[in-house]
């Protein structure tokens, strides 16, 4: 039997485990806050979208 054939019958590898230090603490994990630059880009995108809505409303009325 070749190696390729035996790999079909073997079970799937287990998922990698987290390090022992993080398993000991029961604190929930949170994503880090967005950087100032990314936050500024979201605010700028929101303002541009709001401006487009207002100008579109003025243009079509």
N, C-alpha and C. Protein backbone atom coordinates (compact mmCIF):
# COMPACT_ATOMS: atom_id res chain seq x y z
N UNK A 1 0.84 -1.17 0.00
CA UNK A 1 0.00 0.00 0.00
C UNK A 1 0.89 1.25 0.00
N UNK A 2 0.57 2.22 -0.84
CA UNK A 2 1.42 3.40 -0.92
C UNK A 2 1.04 4.41 0.16
N UNK A 3 1.87 5.41 0.31
CA UNK A 3 1.61 6.46 1.31
C UNK A 3 0.35 7.24 0.95
N UNK A 4 0.14 7.44 -0.34
CA UNK A 4 -1.03 8.20 -0.79
C UNK A 4 -2.32 7.47 -0.40
N UNK A 5 -2.32 6.16 -0.54
CA UNK A 5 -3.53 5.39 -0.21
C UNK A 5 -3.80 5.38 1.29
N UNK A 6 -2.78 5.34 2.11
CA UNK A 6 -2.99 5.32 3.56
C UNK A 6 -3.46 6.67 4.07
N UNK A 7 -3.12 7.76 3.37
CA UNK A 7 -3.54 9.07 3.84
C UNK A 7 -5.05 9.26 3.69
N UNK A 8 -5.66 8.55 2.75
CA UNK A 8 -7.11 8.67 2.58
C UNK A 8 -7.86 8.06 3.77
N UNK A 9 -7.31 7.03 4.34
CA UNK A 9 -8.01 6.36 5.43
C UNK A 9 -7.68 6.94 6.80
N UNK A 10 -6.62 7.73 6.90
CA UNK A 10 -6.29 8.30 8.20
C UNK A 10 -7.24 9.45 8.51
N UNK A 11 -7.40 9.72 9.79
CA UNK A 11 -8.33 10.79 10.17
C UNK A 11 -7.69 12.15 9.97
N UNK A 12 -8.54 13.17 9.92
CA UNK A 12 -8.07 14.52 9.67
C UNK A 12 -7.20 15.02 10.82
N UNK A 13 -6.23 15.86 10.52
CA UNK A 13 -5.39 16.39 11.61
C UNK A 13 -6.21 17.30 12.52
N UNK A 14 -5.82 17.31 13.78
CA UNK A 14 -6.54 18.13 14.74
C UNK A 14 -6.19 19.59 14.55
N UNK A 15 -7.10 20.46 14.95
CA UNK A 15 -6.86 21.90 14.86
C UNK A 15 -5.74 22.28 15.81
N UNK A 16 -4.92 23.27 15.45
CA UNK A 16 -3.85 23.68 16.34
C UNK A 16 -4.42 24.27 17.64
N UNK A 17 -3.75 23.96 18.72
CA UNK A 17 -4.20 24.44 20.03
C UNK A 17 -3.55 25.77 20.35
N UNK A 18 -4.26 26.59 21.11
CA UNK A 18 -3.72 27.87 21.56
C UNK A 18 -2.64 27.62 22.60
N UNK A 19 -1.74 28.56 22.79
CA UNK A 19 -0.71 28.38 23.81
C UNK A 19 -1.32 28.21 25.20
N UNK A 20 -0.59 27.53 26.06
CA UNK A 20 -1.09 27.23 27.40
C UNK A 20 -1.37 28.49 28.20
N UNK A 21 -0.62 29.55 28.01
CA UNK A 21 -0.80 30.76 28.79
C UNK A 21 -2.17 31.39 28.53
N UNK A 22 -2.62 31.36 27.29
CA UNK A 22 -3.92 31.97 26.98
C UNK A 22 -5.08 31.08 27.40
N UNK A 23 -4.86 29.79 27.48
CA UNK A 23 -5.93 28.89 27.92
C UNK A 23 -6.19 29.04 29.41
N UNK A 24 -5.19 29.44 30.18
CA UNK A 24 -5.34 29.54 31.62
C UNK A 24 -6.28 30.68 31.99
N UNK A 25 -6.23 31.79 31.28
CA UNK A 25 -7.09 32.93 31.63
C UNK A 25 -8.45 32.76 30.96
N UNK A 26 -9.49 33.06 31.70
CA UNK A 26 -10.85 32.95 31.16
C UNK A 26 -11.36 34.29 30.65
N UNK A 27 -10.49 35.27 30.52
CA UNK A 27 -10.90 36.58 30.03
C UNK A 27 -11.24 36.49 28.55
N UNK A 28 -12.31 37.16 28.12
CA UNK A 28 -12.64 37.14 26.68
C UNK A 28 -11.61 37.92 25.88
N UNK A 29 -11.43 37.50 24.64
CA UNK A 29 -10.50 38.20 23.75
C UNK A 29 -11.28 39.22 22.93
N UNK A 30 -10.72 40.39 22.80
CA UNK A 30 -11.32 41.45 22.00
C UNK A 30 -10.34 41.86 20.91
N UNK A 31 -10.91 42.38 19.82
CA UNK A 31 -10.05 42.90 18.76
C UNK A 31 -9.45 44.22 19.23
N UNK A 32 -8.26 44.53 18.79
CA UNK A 32 -7.67 45.82 19.17
C UNK A 32 -8.47 46.96 18.54
N UNK A 33 -8.49 48.12 19.16
CA UNK A 33 -9.24 49.24 18.59
C UNK A 33 -8.62 49.67 17.26
N UNK A 34 -9.42 50.28 16.39
CA UNK A 34 -8.87 50.71 15.10
C UNK A 34 -7.84 51.81 15.29
N UNK A 35 -6.89 51.85 14.40
CA UNK A 35 -5.88 52.90 14.48
C UNK A 35 -6.53 54.24 14.14
N UNK A 36 -5.85 55.32 14.50
CA UNK A 36 -6.39 56.66 14.27
C UNK A 36 -6.59 56.90 12.78
N UNK A 37 -5.67 56.44 11.96
CA UNK A 37 -5.78 56.63 10.51
C UNK A 37 -6.98 55.91 9.92
N UNK A 38 -7.22 54.68 10.38
CA UNK A 38 -8.36 53.91 9.87
C UNK A 38 -9.67 54.54 10.33
N UNK A 39 -9.69 55.00 11.58
CA UNK A 39 -10.89 55.67 12.10
C UNK A 39 -11.16 56.95 11.31
N UNK A 40 -10.11 57.71 10.99
CA UNK A 40 -10.26 58.93 10.20
C UNK A 40 -10.81 58.62 8.81
N UNK A 41 -10.35 57.53 8.21
CA UNK A 41 -10.85 57.17 6.87
C UNK A 41 -12.33 56.80 6.91
N UNK A 42 -12.78 56.09 7.97
CA UNK A 42 -14.20 55.76 8.10
C UNK A 42 -15.04 57.02 8.27
N UNK A 43 -14.56 57.96 9.08
CA UNK A 43 -15.29 59.22 9.28
C UNK A 43 -15.34 60.00 7.97
N UNK A 44 -14.23 60.04 7.25
CA UNK A 44 -14.18 60.74 5.97
C UNK A 44 -15.13 60.10 4.96
N UNK A 45 -15.17 58.77 4.94
CA UNK A 45 -16.08 58.07 4.04
C UNK A 45 -17.53 58.39 4.38
N UNK A 46 -17.85 58.42 5.67
CA UNK A 46 -19.20 58.76 6.10
C UNK A 46 -19.57 60.18 5.68
N UNK A 47 -18.64 61.12 5.86
CA UNK A 47 -18.92 62.51 5.50
C UNK A 47 -19.10 62.67 3.98
N UNK A 48 -18.30 61.97 3.20
CA UNK A 48 -18.44 62.04 1.74
C UNK A 48 -19.78 61.44 1.32
N UNK A 49 -20.18 60.34 1.95
CA UNK A 49 -21.47 59.74 1.61
C UNK A 49 -22.62 60.67 2.01
N UNK A 50 -22.52 61.30 3.17
CA UNK A 50 -23.57 62.23 3.61
C UNK A 50 -23.63 63.43 2.66
N UNK A 51 -22.49 63.93 2.26
CA UNK A 51 -22.46 65.06 1.32
C UNK A 51 -23.08 64.66 -0.02
N UNK A 52 -22.81 63.46 -0.48
CA UNK A 52 -23.40 62.99 -1.74
C UNK A 52 -24.91 62.90 -1.64
N UNK A 53 -25.41 62.45 -0.49
CA UNK A 53 -26.87 62.35 -0.30
C UNK A 53 -27.49 63.74 -0.28
N UNK A 54 -26.87 64.66 0.43
CA UNK A 54 -27.42 66.02 0.52
C UNK A 54 -27.37 66.70 -0.85
N UNK A 55 -26.24 66.64 -1.53
CA UNK A 55 -26.13 67.27 -2.84
C UNK A 55 -27.05 66.61 -3.86
N UNK A 56 -27.22 65.31 -3.76
CA UNK A 56 -28.16 64.62 -4.67
C UNK A 56 -29.58 65.04 -4.41
N UNK A 57 -29.92 65.25 -3.14
CA UNK A 57 -31.27 65.71 -2.80
C UNK A 57 -31.53 67.14 -3.29
N UNK A 58 -30.52 67.97 -3.19
CA UNK A 58 -30.65 69.37 -3.66
C UNK A 58 -30.76 69.37 -5.18
N UNK A 59 -29.96 68.55 -5.86
CA UNK A 59 -29.95 68.53 -7.32
C UNK A 59 -31.25 68.03 -7.89
N UNK A 60 -31.83 67.00 -7.29
CA UNK A 60 -33.04 66.38 -7.85
C UNK A 60 -34.34 67.03 -7.39
N UNK A 61 -34.25 68.11 -6.59
CA UNK A 61 -35.50 68.78 -6.19
C UNK A 61 -35.63 70.12 -6.86
